[in-house]
Amino acid sequence: MFKVLACMIDYFVLTTFTANMQTVQVSTFKARCLGLFKEVRDSREPIAVTLHGKTLAVVQPAPRQPASRVGKWLEENRHLLSVEEELELPPREIRADPFDDEHAD
């Protein structure tokens, strides 16, 4: 009795969860697996993989990676890295190539 009830609940939750998401047949998933993974990553929307109309698996995007410590520091200290005024540099002297035969001493 409890097994039947548990299966009914699982089926209800799974069909409700997958009702509004894109579905692909397992044969299509097998042929386009890498492209579908990239689509899930880019769209952040899960895809249900089905066999004969029944959901076998749900491909979900991986959780976003937290920013690195360096990235967090850069974000927090962005104001320290900005240049408020232009710097005037002295003009550079352009010298002839020391290995050029025409300009040799």
PDB file of N, CA and C in Angstrom:
ATOM      1  N   MET A   1       0.822  -1.192   0.000  1.00  0.00           N
ATOM      2  CA  MET A   1       0.000   0.000   0.000  1.00  0.00           C
ATOM      3  C   MET A   1       0.872   1.264   0.000  1.00  0.00           C
ATOM      4  N   PHE A   2       1.891   1.295   0.903  1.00  0.00           N
ATOM      5  CA  PHE A   2       2.729   2.480   0.991  1.00  0.00           C
ATOM      6  C   PHE A   2       3.585   2.669  -0.262  1.00  0.00           C
ATOM      7  N   LYS A   3       4.018   1.530  -0.864  1.00  0.00           N
ATOM      8  CA  LYS A   3       4.808   1.631  -2.088  1.00  0.00           C
ATOM      9  C   LYS A   3       3.976   2.246  -3.206  1.00  0.00           C
ATOM     10  N   VAL A   4       2.747   1.827  -3.318  1.00  0.00           N
ATOM     11  CA  VAL A   4       1.865   2.367  -4.357  1.00  0.00           C
ATOM     12  C   VAL A   4       1.634   3.849  -4.120  1.00  0.00           C
ATOM     13  N   LEU A   5       1.387   4.234  -2.890  1.00  0.00           N
ATOM     14  CA  LEU A   5       1.169   5.642  -2.557  1.00  0.00           C
ATOM     15  C   LEU A   5       2.432   6.458  -2.839  1.00  0.00           C
ATOM     16  N   ALA A   6       3.597   5.934  -2.480  1.00  0.00           N
ATOM     17  CA  ALA A   6       4.853   6.633  -2.739  1.00  0.00           C
ATOM     18  C   ALA A   6       5.076   6.799  -4.235  1.00  0.00           C
ATOM     19  N   CYS A   7       4.773   5.774  -5.026  1.00  0.00           N
ATOM     20  CA  CYS A   7       4.923   5.869  -6.486  1.00  0.00           C
ATOM     21  C   CYS A   7       3.966   6.901  -7.060  1.00  0.00           C
ATOM     22  N   MET A   8       2.747   6.950  -6.539  1.00  0.00           N
ATOM     23  CA  MET A   8       1.764   7.935  -7.021  1.00  0.00           C
ATOM     24  C   MET A   8       2.229   9.348  -6.697  1.00  0.00           C
ATOM     25  N   ILE A   9       2.763   9.541  -5.504  1.00  0.00           N
ATOM     26  CA  ILE A   9       3.258  10.867  -5.112  1.00  0.00           C
ATOM     27  C   ILE A   9       4.446  11.253  -5.976  1.00  0.00           C
ATOM     28  N   ASP A  10       5.378  10.310  -6.181  1.00  0.00           N
ATOM     29  CA  ASP A  10       6.537  10.586  -7.043  1.00  0.00           C
ATOM     30  C   ASP A  10       6.090  10.960  -8.450  1.00  0.00           C
ATOM     31  N   TYR A  11       5.125  10.221  -8.992  1.00  0.00           N
ATOM     32  CA  TYR A  11       4.635  10.504 -10.337  1.00  0.00           C
ATOM     33  C   TYR A  11       3.989  11.888 -10.387  1.00  0.00           C
ATOM     34  N   PHE A  12       3.182  12.222  -9.384  1.00  0.00           N
ATOM     35  CA  PHE A  12       2.519  13.529  -9.352  1.00  0.00           C
ATOM     36  C   PHE A  12       3.547  14.660  -9.275  1.00  0.00           C
ATOM     37  N   VAL A  13       4.534  14.522  -8.402  1.00  0.00           N
ATOM     38  CA  VAL A  13       5.556  15.553  -8.252  1.00  0.00           C
ATOM     39  C   VAL A  13       6.357  15.682  -9.537  1.00  0.00           C
ATOM     40  N   LEU A  14       6.761  14.574 -10.125  1.00  0.00           N
ATOM     41  CA  LEU A  14       7.559  14.601 -11.341  1.00  0.00           C
ATOM     42  C   LEU A  14       6.782  15.200 -12.507  1.00  0.00           C
ATOM     43  N   THR A  15       5.524  14.811 -12.690  1.00  0.00           N
ATOM     44  CA  THR A  15       4.746  15.349 -13.813  1.00  0.00           C
ATOM     45  C   THR A  15       4.425  16.817 -13.594  1.00  0.00           C
ATOM     46  N   THR A  16       4.189  17.232 -12.360  1.00  0.00           N
ATOM     47  CA  THR A  16       3.937  18.641 -12.081  1.00  0.00           C
ATOM     48  C   THR A  16       5.199  19.456 -12.293  1.00  0.00           C
ATOM     49  N   PHE A  17       6.328  18.931 -11.855  1.00  0.00           N
ATOM     50  CA  PHE A  17       7.604  19.622 -11.966  1.00  0.00           C
ATOM     51  C   PHE A  17       8.022  19.776 -13.424  1.00  0.00           C
ATOM     52  N   THR A  18       7.791  18.738 -14.239  1.00  0.00           N
ATOM     53  CA  THR A  18       8.250  18.754 -15.621  1.00  0.00           C
ATOM     54  C   THR A  18       7.204  19.274 -16.597  1.00  0.00           C
ATOM     55  N   ALA A  19       6.024  19.659 -16.142  1.00  0.00           N
ATOM     56  CA  ALA A  19       4.943  20.069 -17.043  1.00  0.00           C
ATOM     57  C   ALA A  19       5.302  21.301 -17.863  1.00  0.00           C
ATOM     58  N   ASN A  20       6.022  22.255 -17.296  1.00  0.00           N
ATOM     59  CA  ASN A  20       6.303  23.509 -17.992  1.00  0.00           C
ATOM     60  C   ASN A  20       7.701  23.583 -18.587  1.00  0.00           C
ATOM     61  N   MET A  21       8.452  22.501 -18.546  1.00  0.00           N
ATOM     62  CA  MET A  21       9.816  22.580 -19.061  1.00  0.00           C
ATOM     63  C   MET A  21       9.929  21.900 -20.413  1.00  0.00           C
ATOM     64  N   GLN A  22      11.003  22.248 -21.123  1.00  0.00           N
ATOM     65  CA  GLN A  22      11.277  21.638 -22.418  1.00  0.00           C
ATOM     66  C   GLN A  22      11.558  20.163 -22.210  1.00  0.00           C
ATOM     67  N   THR A  23      11.051  19.338 -23.115  1.00  0.00           N
ATOM     68  CA  THR A  23      11.336  17.907 -23.035  1.00  0.00           C
ATOM     69  C   THR A  23      11.992  17.462 -24.334  1.00  0.00           C
ATOM     70  N   VAL A  24      12.852  16.465 -24.224  1.00  0.00           N
ATOM     71  CA  VAL A  24      13.469  15.840 -25.393  1.00  0.00           C
ATOM     72  C   VAL A  24      13.434  14.343 -25.207  1.00  0.00           C
ATOM     73  N   GLN A  25      13.257  13.632 -26.312  1.00  0.00           N
ATOM     74  CA  GLN A  25      13.287  12.171 -26.246  1.00  0.00           C
ATOM     75  C   GLN A  25      14.717  11.723 -26.001  1.00  0.00           C
ATOM     76  N   VAL A  26      14.862  10.560 -25.412  1.00  0.00           N
ATOM     77  CA  VAL A  26      16.187  10.057 -25.058  1.00  0.00           C
ATOM     78  C   VAL A  26      17.056   9.891 -26.305  1.00  0.00           C
ATOM     79  N   SER A  27      16.468   9.518 -27.432  1.00  0.00           N
ATOM     80  CA  SER A  27      17.261   9.366 -28.661  1.00  0.00           C
ATOM     81  C   SER A  27      17.801  10.715 -29.127  1.00  0.00           C
ATOM     82  N   THR A  28      16.999  11.768 -29.018  1.00  0.00           N
ATOM     83  CA  THR A  28      17.448  13.116 -29.366  1.00  0.00           C
ATOM     84  C   THR A  28      18.527  13.569 -28.392  1.00  0.00           C
ATOM     85  N   PHE A  29      18.319  13.283 -27.113  1.00  0.00           N
ATOM     86  CA  PHE A  29      19.309  13.653 -26.103  1.00  0.00           C
ATOM     87  C   PHE A  29      20.646  12.979 -26.399  1.00  0.00           C
ATOM     88  N   LYS A  30      20.598  11.704 -26.779  1.00  0.00           N
ATOM     89  CA  LYS A  30      21.822  10.967 -27.080  1.00  0.00           C
ATOM     90  C   LYS A  30      22.565  11.601 -28.260  1.00  0.00           C
ATOM     91  N   ALA A  31      21.822  12.032 -29.258  1.00  0.00           N
ATOM     92  CA  ALA A  31      22.447  12.607 -30.454  1.00  0.00           C
ATOM     93  C   ALA A  31      22.962  14.027 -30.221  1.00  0.00           C
ATOM     94  N   ARG A  32      22.281  14.791 -29.368  1.00  0.00           N
ATOM     95  CA  ARG A  32      22.615  16.209 -29.197  1.00  0.00           C
ATOM     96  C   ARG A  32      23.044  16.536 -27.768  1.00  0.00           C
ATOM     97  N   CYS A  33      23.584  15.577 -27.066  1.00  0.00           N
ATOM     98  CA  CYS A  33      23.878  15.704 -25.639  1.00  0.00           C
ATOM     99  C   CYS A  33      24.684  16.954 -25.295  1.00  0.00           C
ATOM    100  N   LEU A  34      25.826  17.157 -25.931  1.00  0.00           N
ATOM    101  CA  LEU A  34      26.691  18.286 -25.588  1.00  0.00           C
ATOM    102  C   LEU A  34      25.985  19.617 -25.881  1.00  0.00           C
ATOM    103  N   GLY A  35      25.298  19.700 -27.013  1.00  0.00           N
ATOM    104  CA  GLY A  35      24.574  20.927 -27.354  1.00  0.00           C
ATOM    105  C   GLY A  35      23.467  21.225 -26.357  1.00  0.00           C
ATOM    106  N   LEU A  36      22.780  20.176 -25.886  1.00  0.00           N
ATOM    107  CA  LEU A  36      21.713  20.378 -24.899  1.00  0.00           C
ATOM    108  C   LEU A  36      22.285  20.810 -23.556  1.00  0.00           C
ATOM    109  N   PHE A  37      23.440  20.254 -23.177  1.00  0.00           N
ATOM    110  CA  PHE A  37      24.088  20.703 -21.941  1.00  0.00           C
ATOM    111  C   PHE A  37      24.416  22.189 -22.018  1.00  0.00           C
ATOM    112  N   LYS A  38      24.958  22.624 -23.164  1.00  0.00           N
ATOM    113  CA  LYS A  38      25.294  24.041 -23.339  1.00  0.00           C
ATOM    114  C   LYS A  38      24.033  24.907 -23.306  1.00  0.00           C
ATOM    115  N   GLU A  39      22.948  24.401 -23.903  1.00  0.00           N
ATOM    116  CA  GLU A  39      21.675  25.142 -23.882  1.00  0.00           C
ATOM    117  C   GLU A  39      21.168  25.326 -22.456  1.00  0.00           C
ATOM    118  N   VAL A  40      21.253  24.267 -21.652  1.00  0.00           N
ATOM    119  CA  VAL A  40      20.827  24.345 -20.247  1.00  0.00           C
ATOM    120  C   VAL A  40      21.714  25.335 -19.489  1.00  0.00           C
ATOM    121  N   ARG A  41      23.025  25.267 -19.748  1.00  0.00           N
ATOM    122  CA  ARG A  41      23.950  26.195 -19.085  1.00  0.00           C
ATOM    123  C   ARG A  41      23.622  27.646 -19.436  1.00  0.00           C
ATOM    124  N   ASP A  42      23.384  27.921 -20.712  1.00  0.00           N
ATOM    125  CA  ASP A  42      23.156  29.294 -21.158  1.00  0.00           C
ATOM    126  C   ASP A  42      21.778  29.829 -20.775  1.00  0.00           C
ATOM    127  N   SER A  43      20.754  28.989 -20.892  1.00  0.00           N
ATOM    128  CA  SER A  43      19.384  29.450 -20.609  1.00  0.00           C
ATOM    129  C   SER A  43      19.027  29.363 -19.129  1.00  0.00           C
ATOM    130  N   ARG A  44      19.796  28.554 -18.370  1.00  0.00           N
ATOM    131  CA  ARG A  44      19.525  28.318 -16.941  1.00  0.00           C
ATOM    132  C   ARG A  44      18.156  27.671 -16.733  1.00  0.00           C
ATOM    133  N   GLU A  45      17.619  26.997 -17.779  1.00  0.00           N
ATOM    134  CA  GLU A  45      16.333  26.310 -17.706  1.00  0.00           C
ATOM    135  C   GLU A  45      16.569  24.803 -17.827  1.00  0.00           C
ATOM    136  N   PRO A  46      15.930  23.990 -16.963  1.00  0.00           N
ATOM    137  CA  PRO A  46      16.127  22.542 -17.034  1.00  0.00           C
ATOM    138  C   PRO A  46      15.432  21.924 -18.251  1.00  0.00           C
ATOM    139  N   ILE A  47      15.891  20.745 -18.645  1.00  0.00           N
ATOM    140  CA  ILE A  47      15.303  19.975 -19.744  1.00  0.00           C
ATOM    141  C   ILE A  47      14.991  18.580 -19.215  1.00  0.00           C
ATOM    142  N   ALA A  48      13.774  18.086 -19.504  1.00  0.00           N
ATOM    143  CA  ALA A  48      13.380  16.734 -19.115  1.00  0.00           C
ATOM    144  C   ALA A  48      13.696  15.782 -20.266  1.00  0.00           C
ATOM    145  N   VAL A  49      14.332  14.664 -19.958  1.00  0.00           N
ATOM    146  CA  VAL A  49      14.648  13.632 -20.945  1.00  0.00           C
ATOM    147  C   VAL A  49      13.620  12.522 -20.770  1.00  0.00           C
ATOM    148  N   THR A  50      12.928  12.180 -21.883  1.00  0.00           N
ATOM    149  CA  THR A  50      11.825  11.223 -21.782  1.00  0.00           C
ATOM    150  C   THR A  50      12.063   9.985 -22.633  1.00  0.00           C
ATOM    151  N   LEU A  51      11.426   8.892 -22.228  1.00  0.00           N
ATOM    152  CA  LEU A  51      11.409   7.640 -22.986  1.00  0.00           C
ATOM    153  C   LEU A  51       9.968   7.167 -23.013  1.00  0.00           C
ATOM    154  N   HIS A  52       9.393   7.090 -24.198  1.00  0.00           N
ATOM    155  CA  HIS A  52       7.987   6.715 -24.380  1.00  0.00           C
ATOM    156  C   HIS A  52       7.056   7.596 -23.550  1.00  0.00           C
ATOM    157  N   GLY A  53       7.389   8.888 -23.490  1.00  0.00           N
ATOM    158  CA  GLY A  53       6.530   9.855 -22.807  1.00  0.00           C
ATOM    159  C   GLY A  53       6.723   9.946 -21.303  1.00  0.00           C
ATOM    160  N   LYS A  54       7.567   9.093 -20.744  1.00  0.00           N
ATOM    161  CA  LYS A  54       7.808   9.133 -19.302  1.00  0.00           C
ATOM    162  C   LYS A  54       9.180   9.757 -19.033  1.00  0.00           C
ATOM    163  N   THR A  55       9.245  10.603 -18.036  1.00  0.00           N
ATOM    164  CA  THR A  55      10.491  11.296 -17.719  1.00  0.00           C
ATOM    165  C   THR A  55      11.496  10.330 -17.103  1.00  0.00           C
ATOM    166  N   LEU A  56      12.680  10.282 -17.734  1.00  0.00           N
ATOM    167  CA  LEU A  56      13.776   9.462 -17.208  1.00  0.00           C
ATOM    168  C   LEU A  56      14.696  10.287 -16.324  1.00  0.00           C
ATOM    169  N   ALA A  57      14.964  11.513 -16.773  1.00  0.00           N
ATOM    170  CA  ALA A  57      15.913  12.365 -16.062  1.00  0.00           C
ATOM    171  C   ALA A  57      15.583  13.819 -16.349  1.00  0.00           C
ATOM    172  N   VAL A  58      16.069  14.668 -15.464  1.00  0.00           N
ATOM    173  CA  VAL A  58      15.940  16.108 -15.654  1.00  0.00           C
ATOM    174  C   VAL A  58      17.349  16.691 -15.599  1.00  0.00           C
ATOM    175  N   VAL A  59      17.745  17.377 -16.676  1.00  0.00           N
ATOM    176  CA  VAL A  59      19.061  18.014 -16.739  1.00  0.00           C
ATOM    177  C   VAL A  59      18.887  19.443 -16.253  1.00  0.00           C
ATOM    178  N   GLN A  60      19.565  19.773 -15.164  1.00  0.00           N
ATOM    179  CA  GLN A  60      19.453  21.102 -14.563  1.00  0.00           C
ATOM    180  C   GLN A  60      20.792  21.808 -14.639  1.00  0.00           C
ATOM    181  N   PRO A  61      20.770  23.144 -14.687  1.00  0.00           N
ATOM    182  CA  PRO A  61      22.038  23.869 -14.706  1.00  0.00           C
ATOM    183  C   PRO A  61      22.761  23.717 -13.371  1.00  0.00           C
ATOM    184  N   ALA A  62      24.080  23.716 -13.444  1.00  0.00           N
ATOM    185  CA  ALA A  62      24.900  23.652 -12.239  1.00  0.00           C
ATOM    186  C   ALA A  62      24.747  24.963 -11.470  1.00  0.00           C
ATOM    187  N   PRO A  63      24.907  24.922 -10.156  1.00  0.00           N
ATOM    188  CA  PRO A  63      24.836  26.168  -9.389  1.00  0.00           C
ATOM    189  C   PRO A  63      25.932  27.123  -9.846  1.00  0.00           C
ATOM    190  N   ARG A  64      25.634  28.391  -9.800  1.00  0.00           N
ATOM    191  CA  ARG A  64      26.628  29.395 -10.190  1.00  0.00           C
ATOM    192  C   ARG A  64      27.800  29.339  -9.221  1.00  0.00           C
ATOM    193  N   GLN A  65      28.991  29.492  -9.780  1.00  0.00           N
ATOM    194  CA  GLN A  65      30.207  29.451  -8.962  1.00  0.00           C
ATOM    195  C   GLN A  65      30.370  30.784  -8.235  1.00  0.00           C
ATOM    196  N   PRO A  66      30.714  30.734  -6.963  1.00  0.00           N
ATOM    197  CA  PRO A  66      30.959  31.995  -6.261  1.00  0.00           C
ATOM    198  C   PRO A  66      32.198  32.675  -6.821  1.00  0.00           C
ATOM    199  N   ALA A  67      32.223  33.979  -6.724  1.00  0.00           N
ATOM    200  CA  ALA A  67      33.375  34.731  -7.213  1.00  0.00           C
ATOM    201  C   ALA A  67      34.614  34.344  -6.414  1.00  0.00           C
ATOM    202  N   SER A  68      35.752  34.362  -7.069  1.00  0.00           N
ATOM    203  CA  SER A  68      36.995  34.045  -6.386  1.00  0.00           C
ATOM    204  C   SER A  68      37.329  35.154  -5.401  1.00  0.00           C
ATOM    205  N   ARG A  69      38.260  34.875  -4.515  1.00  0.00           N
ATOM    206  CA  ARG A  69      38.665  35.899  -3.537  1.00  0.00           C
ATOM    207  C   ARG A  69      39.246  37.108  -4.246  1.00  0.00           C
ATOM    208  N   VAL A  70      40.002  36.875  -5.309  1.00  0.00           N
ATOM    209  CA  VAL A  70      40.578  37.996  -6.051  1.00  0.00           C
ATOM    210  C   VAL A  70      39.470  38.805  -6.710  1.00  0.00           C
ATOM    211  N   GLY A  71      38.500  38.111  -7.305  1.00  0.00           N
ATOM    212  CA  GLY A  71      37.374  38.798  -7.935  1.00  0.00           C
ATOM    213  C   GLY A  71      36.579  39.620  -6.941  1.00  0.00           C
ATOM    214  N   LYS A  72      36.352  39.070  -5.751  1.00  0.00           N
ATOM    215  CA  LYS A  72      35.637  39.817  -4.712  1.00  0.00           C
ATOM    216  C   LYS A  72      36.426  41.047  -4.290  1.00  0.00           C
ATOM    217  N   TRP A  73      37.755  40.876  -4.138  1.00  0.00           N
ATOM    218  CA  TRP A  73      38.582  42.008  -3.733  1.00  0.00           C
ATOM    219  C   TRP A  73      38.538  43.098  -4.793  1.00  0.00           C
ATOM    220  N   LEU A  74      38.629  42.711  -6.065  1.00  0.00           N
ATOM    221  CA  LEU A  74      38.583  43.699  -7.140  1.00  0.00           C
ATOM    222  C   LEU A  74      37.254  44.455  -7.144  1.00  0.00           C
ATOM    223  N   GLU A  75      36.161  43.732  -6.928  1.00  0.00           N
ATOM    224  CA  GLU A  75      34.857  44.394  -6.884  1.00  0.00           C
ATOM    225  C   GLU A  75      34.770  45.371  -5.713  1.00  0.00           C
ATOM    226  N   GLU A  76      35.253  44.958  -4.554  1.00  0.00           N
ATOM    227  CA  GLU A  76      35.179  45.800  -3.360  1.00  0.00           C
ATOM    228  C   GLU A  76      36.106  47.010  -3.435  1.00  0.00           C
ATOM    229  N   ASN A  77      37.215  46.880  -4.159  1.00  0.00           N
ATOM    230  CA  ASN A  77      38.221  47.944  -4.194  1.00  0.00           C
ATOM    231  C   ASN A  77      38.370  48.575  -5.570  1.00  0.00           C
ATOM    232  N   ARG A  78      37.317  48.529  -6.346  1.00  0.00           N
ATOM    233  CA  ARG A  78      37.340  49.089  -7.689  1.00  0.00           C
ATOM    234  C   ARG A  78      37.739  50.562  -7.657  1.00  0.00           C
ATOM    235  N   HIS A  79      37.289  51.270  -6.635  1.00  0.00           N
ATOM    236  CA  HIS A  79      37.589  52.701  -6.533  1.00  0.00           C
ATOM    237  C   HIS A  79      39.095  52.966  -6.395  1.00  0.00           C
ATOM    238  N   LEU A  80      39.827  52.006  -5.833  1.00  0.00           N
ATOM    239  CA  LEU A  80      41.275  52.173  -5.689  1.00  0.00           C
ATOM    240  C   LEU A  80      42.005  52.020  -7.022  1.00  0.00           C
ATOM    241  N   LEU A  81      41.351  51.344  -7.961  1.00  0.00           N
ATOM    242  CA  LEU A  81      42.000  51.049  -9.227  1.00  0.00           C
ATOM    243  C   LEU A  81      41.673  52.053 -10.317  1.00  0.00           C
ATOM    244  N   SER A  82      40.763  52.972 -10.059  1.00  0.00           N
ATOM    245  CA  SER A  82      40.393  53.925 -11.104  1.00  0.00           C
ATOM    246  C   SER A  82      41.352  55.111 -11.108  1.00  0.00           C
ATOM    247  N   VAL A  83      41.583  55.654 -12.269  1.00  0.00           N
ATOM    248  CA  VAL A  83      42.466  56.806 -12.431  1.00  0.00           C
ATOM    249  C   VAL A  83      41.578  58.035 -12.553  1.00  0.00           C
ATOM    250  N   GLU A  84      41.735  58.965 -11.650  1.00  0.00           N
ATOM    251  CA  GLU A  84      40.894  60.160 -11.619  1.00  0.00           C
ATOM    252  C   GLU A  84      41.372  61.240 -12.584  1.00  0.00           C
ATOM    253  N   GLU A  85      42.670  61.318 -12.801  1.00  0.00           N
ATOM    254  CA  GLU A  85      43.200  62.369 -13.664  1.00  0.00           C
ATOM    255  C   GLU A  85      44.211  61.760 -14.618  1.00  0.00           C
ATOM    256  N   GLU A  86      44.400  62.439 -15.720  1.00  0.00           N
ATOM    257  CA  GLU A  86      45.363  61.948 -16.691  1.00  0.00           C
ATOM    258  C   GLU A  86      46.773  62.303 -16.240  1.00  0.00           C
ATOM    259  N   LEU A  87      47.666  61.401 -16.457  1.00  0.00           N
ATOM    260  CA  LEU A  87      49.059  61.632 -16.108  1.00  0.00           C
ATOM    261  C   LEU A  87      49.784  62.170 -17.338  1.00  0.00           C
ATOM    262  N   GLU A  88      50.623  63.169 -17.140  1.00  0.00           N
ATOM    263  CA  GLU A  88      51.432  63.674 -18.245  1.00  0.00           C
ATOM    264  C   GLU A  88      52.814  63.067 -18.137  1.00  0.00           C
ATOM    265  N   LEU A  89      53.184  62.367 -19.173  1.00  0.00           N
ATOM    266  CA  LEU A  89      54.486  61.727 -19.199  1.00  0.00           C
ATOM    267  C   LEU A  89      55.435  62.572 -20.034  1.00  0.00           C
ATOM    268  N   PRO A  90      56.709  62.605 -19.675  1.00  0.00           N
ATOM    269  CA  PRO A  90      57.667  63.362 -20.491  1.00  0.00           C
ATOM    270  C   PRO A  90      57.807  62.706 -21.858  1.00  0.00           C
ATOM    271  N   PRO A  91      58.061  63.501 -22.881  1.00  0.00           N
ATOM    272  CA  PRO A  91      58.202  62.918 -24.224  1.00  0.00           C
ATOM    273  C   PRO A  91      59.398  61.971 -24.267  1.00  0.00           C
ATOM    274  N   ARG A  92      59.233  60.894 -25.004  1.00  0.00           N
ATOM    275  CA  ARG A  92      60.311  59.916 -25.134  1.00  0.00           C
ATOM    276  C   ARG A  92      61.209  60.286 -26.298  1.00  0.00           C
ATOM    277  N   GLU A  93      62.482  60.117 -26.118  1.00  0.00           N
ATOM    278  CA  GLU A  93      63.439  60.355 -27.192  1.00  0.00           C
ATOM    279  C   GLU A  93      63.491  59.103 -28.058  1.00  0.00           C
ATOM    280  N   ILE A  94      63.322  59.294 -29.330  1.00  0.00           N
ATOM    281  CA  ILE A  94      63.374  58.160 -30.249  1.00  0.00           C
ATOM    282  C   ILE A  94      64.790  58.095 -30.805  1.00  0.00           C
ATOM    283  N   ARG A  95      65.442  56.995 -30.510  1.00  0.00           N
ATOM    284  CA  ARG A  95      66.821  56.840 -30.952  1.00  0.00           C
ATOM    285  C   ARG A  95      66.887  55.886 -32.133  1.00  0.00           C
ATOM    286  N   ALA A  96      67.898  56.085 -32.927  1.00  0.00           N
ATOM    287  CA  ALA A  96      68.109  55.191 -34.060  1.00  0.00           C
ATOM    288  C   ALA A  96      68.498  53.808 -33.544  1.00  0.00           C
ATOM    289  N   ASP A  97      68.243  52.831 -34.340  1.00  0.00           N
ATOM    290  CA  ASP A  97      68.584  51.448 -33.994  1.00  0.00           C
ATOM    291  C   ASP A  97      70.101  51.313 -33.891  1.00  0.00           C
ATOM    292  N   PRO A  98      70.646  50.891 -32.752  1.00  0.00           N
ATOM    293  CA  PRO A  98      72.098  50.795 -32.597  1.00  0.00           C
ATOM    294  C   PRO A  98      72.719  49.751 -33.517  1.00  0.00           C
ATOM    295  N   PHE A  99      71.904  48.856 -34.047  1.00  0.00           N
ATOM    296  CA  PHE A  99      72.436  47.813 -34.922  1.00  0.00           C
ATOM    297  C   PHE A  99      72.292  48.181 -36.400  1.00  0.00           C
ATOM    298  N   ASP A 100      71.747  49.366 -36.658  1.00  0.00           N
ATOM    299  CA  ASP A 100      71.573  49.813 -38.029  1.00  0.00           C
ATOM    300  C   ASP A 100      72.916  50.343 -38.551  1.00  0.00           C
ATOM    301  N   ASP A 101      73.383  49.860 -39.701  1.00  0.00           N
ATOM    302  CA  ASP A 101      74.684  50.247 -40.262  1.00  0.00           C
ATOM    303  C   ASP A 101      74.755  51.712 -40.659  1.00  0.00           C
ATOM    304  N   GLU A 102      73.650  52.320 -41.060  1.00  0.00           N
ATOM    305  CA  GLU A 102      73.658  53.705 -41.486  1.00  0.00           C
ATOM    306  C   GLU A 102      73.972  54.651 -40.345  1.00  0.00           C
ATOM    307  N   HIS A 103      73.573  54.336 -39.149  1.00  0.00           N
ATOM    308  CA  HIS A 103      73.733  55.214 -38.007  1.00  0.00           C
ATOM    309  C   HIS A 103      74.906  54.812 -37.106  1.00  0.00           C
ATOM    310  N   ALA A 104      75.724  53.945 -37.565  1.00  0.00           N
ATOM    311  CA  ALA A 104      76.850  53.498 -36.741  1.00  0.00           C
ATOM    312  C   ALA A 104      77.884  54.608 -36.637  1.00  0.00           C
ATOM    313  N   ASP A 105      78.496  54.740 -35.484  1.00  0.00           N
ATOM    314  CA  ASP A 105      79.521  55.776 -35.268  1.00  0.00           C
ATOM    315  C   ASP A 105      80.827  55.409 -35.893  1.00  0.00           C
TER     316      ASP A 105
END
